[in-house]
Amino acid sequence: MSTAAQVTTPITEPSSRTRSRFIGAYYLFTILAGAFVLLFHGRLAFAADLFVGLIYLVVTAFLYGSSATANKSKDR
């Protein structure tokens, strides 16, 4: 018998490092967009604010769904 472990099921979840990088990049983007809206005024800042707000809602829903999936797998 081989001493190396054999993987019988594929890993379908992204690694925690990848998830952490995504979340860090997202928060950096949010901070930079907020600074842009504070420093600039007018239509471009208003459009940027609406765009960032929409992205915030989408990512929040994605992270909520991701955490709900993680909680279901812990309960098993």
PDB file of N, CA and C in Angstrom:
ATOM      1  N   MET A   1       0.843  -1.176   0.000  1.00  0.00           N
ATOM      2  CA  MET A   1       0.000   0.000   0.000  1.00  0.00           C
ATOM      3  C   MET A   1       0.894   1.246   0.000  1.00  0.00           C
ATOM      4  N   SER A   2       0.471   2.258  -0.707  1.00  0.00           N
ATOM      5  CA  SER A   2       1.227   3.492  -0.823  1.00  0.00           C
ATOM      6  C   SER A   2       1.021   4.359   0.419  1.00  0.00           C
ATOM      7  N   THR A   3       2.055   5.119   0.776  1.00  0.00           N
ATOM      8  CA  THR A   3       1.940   6.008   1.937  1.00  0.00           C
ATOM      9  C   THR A   3       1.274   7.326   1.571  1.00  0.00           C
ATOM     10  N   ALA A   4       1.156   7.602   0.284  1.00  0.00           N
ATOM     11  CA  ALA A   4       0.516   8.846  -0.151  1.00  0.00           C
ATOM     12  C   ALA A   4      -1.002   8.705  -0.041  1.00  0.00           C
ATOM     13  N   ALA A   5      -1.641   9.748   0.437  1.00  0.00           N
ATOM     14  CA  ALA A   5      -3.102   9.734   0.559  1.00  0.00           C
ATOM     15  C   ALA A   5      -3.727   9.893  -0.822  1.00  0.00           C
ATOM     16  N   GLN A   6      -4.800   9.184  -1.054  1.00  0.00           N
ATOM     17  CA  GLN A   6      -5.492   9.280  -2.332  1.00  0.00           C
ATOM     18  C   GLN A   6      -6.767  10.098  -2.145  1.00  0.00           C
ATOM     19  N   VAL A   7      -6.982  10.992  -3.065  1.00  0.00           N
ATOM     20  CA  VAL A   7      -8.173  11.829  -3.025  1.00  0.00           C
ATOM     21  C   VAL A   7      -9.276  11.099  -3.767  1.00  0.00           C
ATOM     22  N   THR A   8     -10.390  10.883  -3.079  1.00  0.00           N
ATOM     23  CA  THR A   8     -11.498  10.157  -3.710  1.00  0.00           C
ATOM     24  C   THR A   8     -12.604  11.088  -4.181  1.00  0.00           C
ATOM     25  N   THR A   9     -12.691  12.282  -3.586  1.00  0.00           N
ATOM     26  CA  THR A   9     -13.711  13.239  -4.008  1.00  0.00           C
ATOM     27  C   THR A   9     -13.032  14.541  -4.407  1.00  0.00           C
ATOM     28  N   PRO A  10     -13.509  15.180  -5.453  1.00  0.00           N
ATOM     29  CA  PRO A  10     -12.899  16.449  -5.866  1.00  0.00           C
ATOM     30  C   PRO A  10     -13.241  17.570  -4.887  1.00  0.00           C
ATOM     31  N   ILE A  11     -12.357  18.518  -4.777  1.00  0.00           N
ATOM     32  CA  ILE A  11     -12.577  19.687  -3.928  1.00  0.00           C
ATOM     33  C   ILE A  11     -13.311  20.725  -4.770  1.00  0.00           C
ATOM     34  N   THR A  12     -14.506  21.085  -4.365  1.00  0.00           N
ATOM     35  CA  THR A  12     -15.313  22.013  -5.145  1.00  0.00           C
ATOM     36  C   THR A  12     -15.318  23.420  -4.577  1.00  0.00           C
ATOM     37  N   GLU A  13     -14.876  23.618  -3.352  1.00  0.00           N
ATOM     38  CA  GLU A  13     -14.867  24.938  -2.731  1.00  0.00           C
ATOM     39  C   GLU A  13     -13.548  25.637  -3.009  1.00  0.00           C
ATOM     40  N   PRO A  14     -13.572  26.970  -3.167  1.00  0.00           N
ATOM     41  CA  PRO A  14     -12.310  27.690  -3.297  1.00  0.00           C
ATOM     42  C   PRO A  14     -11.578  27.681  -1.951  1.00  0.00           C
ATOM     43  N   SER A  15     -10.271  27.815  -2.000  1.00  0.00           N
ATOM     44  CA  SER A  15      -9.505  27.803  -0.757  1.00  0.00           C
ATOM     45  C   SER A  15      -9.803  29.052   0.067  1.00  0.00           C
ATOM     46  N   SER A  16      -9.510  28.983   1.333  1.00  0.00           N
ATOM     47  CA  SER A  16      -9.772  30.137   2.204  1.00  0.00           C
ATOM     48  C   SER A  16      -8.867  31.301   1.828  1.00  0.00           C
ATOM     49  N   ARG A  17      -7.678  31.032   1.304  1.00  0.00           N
ATOM     50  CA  ARG A  17      -6.766  32.105   0.879  1.00  0.00           C
ATOM     51  C   ARG A  17      -7.367  32.860  -0.308  1.00  0.00           C
ATOM     52  N   THR A  18      -7.935  32.129  -1.263  1.00  0.00           N
ATOM     53  CA  THR A  18      -8.561  32.769  -2.424  1.00  0.00           C
ATOM     54  C   THR A  18      -9.758  33.605  -1.989  1.00  0.00           C
ATOM     55  N   ARG A  19     -10.558  33.064  -1.110  1.00  0.00           N
ATOM     56  CA  ARG A  19     -11.718  33.800  -0.605  1.00  0.00           C
ATOM     57  C   ARG A  19     -11.276  35.048   0.160  1.00  0.00           C
ATOM     58  N   SER A  20     -10.224  34.942   0.952  1.00  0.00           N
ATOM     59  CA  SER A  20      -9.729  36.094   1.713  1.00  0.00           C
ATOM     60  C   SER A  20      -9.197  37.178   0.787  1.00  0.00           C
ATOM     61  N   ARG A  21      -8.511  36.786  -0.273  1.00  0.00           N
ATOM     62  CA  ARG A  21      -8.009  37.774  -1.233  1.00  0.00           C
ATOM     63  C   ARG A  21      -9.156  38.484  -1.935  1.00  0.00           C
ATOM     64  N   PHE A  22     -10.182  37.726  -2.302  1.00  0.00           N
ATOM     65  CA  PHE A  22     -11.346  38.334  -2.951  1.00  0.00           C
ATOM     66  C   PHE A  22     -12.001  39.348  -2.030  1.00  0.00           C
ATOM     67  N   ILE A  23     -12.200  38.989  -0.783  1.00  0.00           N
ATOM     68  CA  ILE A  23     -12.847  39.895   0.173  1.00  0.00           C
ATOM     69  C   ILE A  23     -11.976  41.118   0.434  1.00  0.00           C
ATOM     70  N   GLY A  24     -10.665  40.930   0.551  1.00  0.00           N
ATOM     71  CA  GLY A  24      -9.750  42.059   0.747  1.00  0.00           C
ATOM     72  C   GLY A  24      -9.762  43.017  -0.436  1.00  0.00           C
ATOM     73  N   ALA A  25      -9.757  42.472  -1.655  1.00  0.00           N
ATOM     74  CA  ALA A  25      -9.809  43.313  -2.852  1.00  0.00           C
ATOM     75  C   ALA A  25     -11.139  44.057  -2.930  1.00  0.00           C
ATOM     76  N   TYR A  26     -12.199  43.380  -2.552  1.00  0.00           N
ATOM     77  CA  TYR A  26     -13.517  44.012  -2.569  1.00  0.00           C
ATOM     78  C   TYR A  26     -13.568  45.192  -1.591  1.00  0.00           C
ATOM     79  N   TYR A  27     -13.073  45.009  -0.382  1.00  0.00           N
ATOM     80  CA  TYR A  27     -13.100  46.104   0.589  1.00  0.00           C
ATOM     81  C   TYR A  27     -12.171  47.242   0.187  1.00  0.00           C
ATOM     82  N   LEU A  28     -11.043  46.933  -0.434  1.00  0.00           N
ATOM     83  CA  LEU A  28     -10.167  47.993  -0.950  1.00  0.00           C
ATOM     84  C   LEU A  28     -10.898  48.792  -2.021  1.00  0.00           C
ATOM     85  N   PHE A  29     -11.590  48.096  -2.935  1.00  0.00           N
ATOM     86  CA  PHE A  29     -12.377  48.768  -3.960  1.00  0.00           C
ATOM     87  C   PHE A  29     -13.458  49.647  -3.333  1.00  0.00           C
ATOM     88  N   THR A  30     -14.110  49.163  -2.290  1.00  0.00           N
ATOM     89  CA  THR A  30     -15.169  49.927  -1.625  1.00  0.00           C
ATOM     90  C   THR A  30     -14.604  51.199  -0.988  1.00  0.00           C
ATOM     91  N   ILE A  31     -13.454  51.097  -0.341  1.00  0.00           N
ATOM     92  CA  ILE A  31     -12.836  52.264   0.297  1.00  0.00           C
ATOM     93  C   ILE A  31     -12.408  53.291  -0.735  1.00  0.00           C
ATOM     94  N   LEU A  32     -11.789  52.824  -1.824  1.00  0.00           N
ATOM     95  CA  LEU A  32     -11.355  53.748  -2.882  1.00  0.00           C
ATOM     96  C   LEU A  32     -12.552  54.421  -3.557  1.00  0.00           C
ATOM     97  N   ALA A  33     -13.626  53.681  -3.768  1.00  0.00           N
ATOM     98  CA  ALA A  33     -14.821  54.269  -4.380  1.00  0.00           C
ATOM     99  C   ALA A  33     -15.456  55.290  -3.441  1.00  0.00           C
ATOM    100  N   GLY A  34     -15.474  54.996  -2.148  1.00  0.00           N
ATOM    101  CA  GLY A  34     -16.008  55.954  -1.182  1.00  0.00           C
ATOM    102  C   GLY A  34     -15.191  57.228  -1.137  1.00  0.00           C
ATOM    103  N   ALA A  35     -13.865  57.093  -1.211  1.00  0.00           N
ATOM    104  CA  ALA A  35     -12.999  58.272  -1.239  1.00  0.00           C
ATOM    105  C   ALA A  35     -13.245  59.085  -2.508  1.00  0.00           C
ATOM    106  N   PHE A  36     -13.450  58.409  -3.629  1.00  0.00           N
ATOM    107  CA  PHE A  36     -13.735  59.101  -4.890  1.00  0.00           C
ATOM    108  C   PHE A  36     -15.022  59.920  -4.781  1.00  0.00           C
ATOM    109  N   VAL A  37     -16.042  59.320  -4.207  1.00  0.00           N
ATOM    110  CA  VAL A  37     -17.329  60.011  -4.085  1.00  0.00           C
ATOM    111  C   VAL A  37     -17.209  61.195  -3.129  1.00  0.00           C
ATOM    112  N   LEU A  38     -16.399  61.069  -2.076  1.00  0.00           N
ATOM    113  CA  LEU A  38     -16.224  62.185  -1.138  1.00  0.00           C
ATOM    114  C   LEU A  38     -15.440  63.345  -1.753  1.00  0.00           C
ATOM    115  N   LEU A  39     -14.456  63.032  -2.590  1.00  0.00           N
ATOM    116  CA  LEU A  39     -13.587  64.075  -3.138  1.00  0.00           C
ATOM    117  C   LEU A  39     -14.163  64.745  -4.382  1.00  0.00           C
ATOM    118  N   PHE A  40     -14.954  64.045  -5.147  1.00  0.00           N
ATOM    119  CA  PHE A  40     -15.480  64.590  -6.385  1.00  0.00           C
ATOM    120  C   PHE A  40     -16.999  64.729  -6.291  1.00  0.00           C
ATOM    121  N   HIS A  41     -17.520  65.671  -7.022  1.00  0.00           N
ATOM    122  CA  HIS A  41     -18.958  65.931  -7.017  1.00  0.00           C
ATOM    123  C   HIS A  41     -19.453  65.966  -8.454  1.00  0.00           C
ATOM    124  N   GLY A  42     -20.733  65.799  -8.606  1.00  0.00           N
ATOM    125  CA  GLY A  42     -21.311  65.881  -9.941  1.00  0.00           C
ATOM    126  C   GLY A  42     -21.879  64.551 -10.393  1.00  0.00           C
ATOM    127  N   ARG A  43     -22.137  64.488 -11.695  1.00  0.00           N
ATOM    128  CA  ARG A  43     -22.780  63.305 -12.258  1.00  0.00           C
ATOM    129  C   ARG A  43     -21.894  62.064 -12.182  1.00  0.00           C
ATOM    130  N   LEU A  44     -20.598  62.243 -12.416  1.00  0.00           N
ATOM    131  CA  LEU A  44     -19.697  61.093 -12.385  1.00  0.00           C
ATOM    132  C   LEU A  44     -19.642  60.482 -10.985  1.00  0.00           C
ATOM    133  N   ALA A  45     -19.581  61.311  -9.970  1.00  0.00           N
ATOM    134  CA  ALA A  45     -19.558  60.808  -8.597  1.00  0.00           C
ATOM    135  C   ALA A  45     -20.882  60.140  -8.244  1.00  0.00           C
ATOM    136  N   PHE A  46     -21.992  60.699  -8.718  1.00  0.00           N
ATOM    137  CA  PHE A  46     -23.296  60.101  -8.462  1.00  0.00           C
ATOM    138  C   PHE A  46     -23.409  58.741  -9.142  1.00  0.00           C
ATOM    139  N   ALA A  47     -22.945  58.653 -10.388  1.00  0.00           N
ATOM    140  CA  ALA A  47     -22.970  57.378 -11.117  1.00  0.00           C
ATOM    141  C   ALA A  47     -22.062  56.356 -10.438  1.00  0.00           C
ATOM    142  N   ALA A  48     -20.890  56.791  -9.988  1.00  0.00           N
ATOM    143  CA  ALA A  48     -19.977  55.882  -9.286  1.00  0.00           C
ATOM    144  C   ALA A  48     -20.602  55.395  -7.990  1.00  0.00           C
ATOM    145  N   ASP A  49     -21.294  56.278  -7.296  1.00  0.00           N
ATOM    146  CA  ASP A  49     -21.953  55.899  -6.043  1.00  0.00           C
ATOM    147  C   ASP A  49     -23.051  54.857  -6.291  1.00  0.00           C
ATOM    148  N   LEU A  50     -23.836  55.042  -7.332  1.00  0.00           N
ATOM    149  CA  LEU A  50     -24.872  54.061  -7.657  1.00  0.00           C
ATOM    150  C   LEU A  50     -24.264  52.717  -8.055  1.00  0.00           C
ATOM    151  N   PHE A  51     -23.208  52.762  -8.850  1.00  0.00           N
ATOM    152  CA  PHE A  51     -22.539  51.535  -9.286  1.00  0.00           C
ATOM    153  C   PHE A  51     -21.962  50.771  -8.098  1.00  0.00           C
ATOM    154  N   VAL A  52     -21.280  51.463  -7.219  1.00  0.00           N
ATOM    155  CA  VAL A  52     -20.675  50.820  -6.050  1.00  0.00           C
ATOM    156  C   VAL A  52     -21.760  50.280  -5.121  1.00  0.00           C
ATOM    157  N   GLY A  53     -22.854  50.992  -4.977  1.00  0.00           N
ATOM    158  CA  GLY A  53     -23.961  50.506  -4.161  1.00  0.00           C
ATOM    159  C   GLY A  53     -24.541  49.215  -4.712  1.00  0.00           C
ATOM    160  N   LEU A  54     -24.692  49.142  -6.019  1.00  0.00           N
ATOM    161  CA  LEU A  54     -25.192  47.929  -6.653  1.00  0.00           C
ATOM    162  C   LEU A  54     -24.220  46.772  -6.465  1.00  0.00           C
ATOM    163  N   ILE A  55     -22.942  47.040  -6.659  1.00  0.00           N
ATOM    164  CA  ILE A  55     -21.922  45.996  -6.463  1.00  0.00           C
ATOM    165  C   ILE A  55     -21.933  45.519  -5.011  1.00  0.00           C
ATOM    166  N   TYR A  56     -22.093  46.454  -4.076  1.00  0.00           N
ATOM    167  CA  TYR A  56     -22.131  46.102  -2.652  1.00  0.00           C
ATOM    168  C   TYR A  56     -23.281  45.144  -2.363  1.00  0.00           C
ATOM    169  N   LEU A  57     -24.442  45.409  -2.924  1.00  0.00           N
ATOM    170  CA  LEU A  57     -25.592  44.525  -2.714  1.00  0.00           C
ATOM    171  C   LEU A  57     -25.353  43.140  -3.307  1.00  0.00           C
ATOM    172  N   VAL A  58     -24.776  43.084  -4.491  1.00  0.00           N
ATOM    173  CA  VAL A  58     -24.515  41.799  -5.147  1.00  0.00           C
ATOM    174  C   VAL A  58     -23.515  40.982  -4.349  1.00  0.00           C
ATOM    175  N   VAL A  59     -22.429  41.599  -3.926  1.00  0.00           N
ATOM    176  CA  VAL A  59     -21.403  40.875  -3.171  1.00  0.00           C
ATOM    177  C   VAL A  59     -21.929  40.454  -1.801  1.00  0.00           C
ATOM    178  N   THR A  60     -22.742  41.283  -1.180  1.00  0.00           N
ATOM    179  CA  THR A  60     -23.330  40.911   0.103  1.00  0.00           C
ATOM    180  C   THR A  60     -24.217  39.679  -0.048  1.00  0.00           C
ATOM    181  N   ALA A  61     -25.020  39.646  -1.093  1.00  0.00           N
ATOM    182  CA  ALA A  61     -25.865  38.476  -1.345  1.00  0.00           C
ATOM    183  C   ALA A  61     -25.011  37.240  -1.626  1.00  0.00           C
ATOM    184  N   PHE A  62     -23.929  37.410  -2.385  1.00  0.00           N
ATOM    185  CA  PHE A  62     -23.029  36.297  -2.687  1.00  0.00           C
ATOM    186  C   PHE A  62     -22.384  35.751  -1.410  1.00  0.00           C
ATOM    187  N   LEU A  63     -21.884  36.638  -0.559  1.00  0.00           N
ATOM    188  CA  LEU A  63     -21.241  36.198   0.675  1.00  0.00           C
ATOM    189  C   LEU A  63     -22.251  35.575   1.635  1.00  0.00           C
ATOM    190  N   TYR A  64     -23.478  36.075   1.653  1.00  0.00           N
ATOM    191  CA  TYR A  64     -24.512  35.475   2.488  1.00  0.00           C
ATOM    192  C   TYR A  64     -24.814  34.057   2.019  1.00  0.00           C
ATOM    193  N   GLY A  65     -24.950  33.893   0.713  1.00  0.00           N
ATOM    194  CA  GLY A  65     -25.191  32.564   0.160  1.00  0.00           C
ATOM    195  C   GLY A  65     -24.030  31.629   0.414  1.00  0.00           C
ATOM    196  N   SER A  66     -22.823  32.154   0.331  1.00  0.00           N
ATOM    197  CA  SER A  66     -21.628  31.349   0.589  1.00  0.00           C
ATOM    198  C   SER A  66     -21.569  30.907   2.044  1.00  0.00           C
ATOM    199  N   SER A  67     -21.916  31.799   2.956  1.00  0.00           N
ATOM    200  CA  SER A  67     -21.886  31.430   4.373  1.00  0.00           C
ATOM    201  C   SER A  67     -23.022  30.482   4.709  1.00  0.00           C
ATOM    202  N   ALA A  68     -24.159  30.614   4.065  1.00  0.00           N
ATOM    203  CA  ALA A  68     -25.267  29.691   4.307  1.00  0.00           C
ATOM    204  C   ALA A  68     -24.897  28.281   3.855  1.00  0.00           C
ATOM    205  N   THR A  69     -24.185  28.168   2.744  1.00  0.00           N
ATOM    206  CA  THR A  69     -23.717  26.876   2.264  1.00  0.00           C
ATOM    207  C   THR A  69     -22.715  26.281   3.238  1.00  0.00           C
ATOM    208  N   ALA A  70     -21.833  27.114   3.772  1.00  0.00           N
ATOM    209  CA  ALA A  70     -20.842  26.624   4.733  1.00  0.00           C
ATOM    210  C   ALA A  70     -21.510  26.145   6.017  1.00  0.00           C
ATOM    211  N   ASN A  71     -22.542  26.844   6.459  1.00  0.00           N
ATOM    212  CA  ASN A  71     -23.251  26.444   7.670  1.00  0.00           C
ATOM    213  C   ASN A  71     -23.980  25.124   7.475  1.00  0.00           C
ATOM    214  N   LYS A  72     -24.522  24.881   6.294  1.00  0.00           N
ATOM    215  CA  LYS A  72     -25.210  23.618   6.026  1.00  0.00           C
ATOM    216  C   LYS A  72     -24.233  22.459   6.068  1.00  0.00           C
ATOM    217  N   SER A  73     -23.020  22.664   5.552  1.00  0.00           N
ATOM    218  CA  SER A  73     -22.049  21.568   5.550  1.00  0.00           C
ATOM    219  C   SER A  73     -21.513  21.296   6.953  1.00  0.00           C
ATOM    220  N   LYS A  74     -21.522  22.280   7.837  1.00  0.00           N
ATOM    221  CA  LYS A  74     -21.071  22.063   9.217  1.00  0.00           C
ATOM    222  C   LYS A  74     -22.076  21.257  10.009  1.00  0.00           C
ATOM    223  N   ASP A  75     -23.353  21.408   9.681  1.00  0.00           N
ATOM    224  CA  ASP A  75     -24.410  20.728  10.420  1.00  0.00           C
ATOM    225  C   ASP A  75     -24.428  19.219  10.167  1.00  0.00           C
ATOM    226  N   ARG A  76     -23.843  18.796   9.087  1.00  0.00           N
ATOM    227  CA  ARG A  76     -23.871  17.364   8.763  1.00  0.00           C
ATOM    228  C   ARG A  76     -23.018  16.551   9.657  1.00  0.00           C
TER     229      ARG A  76
END
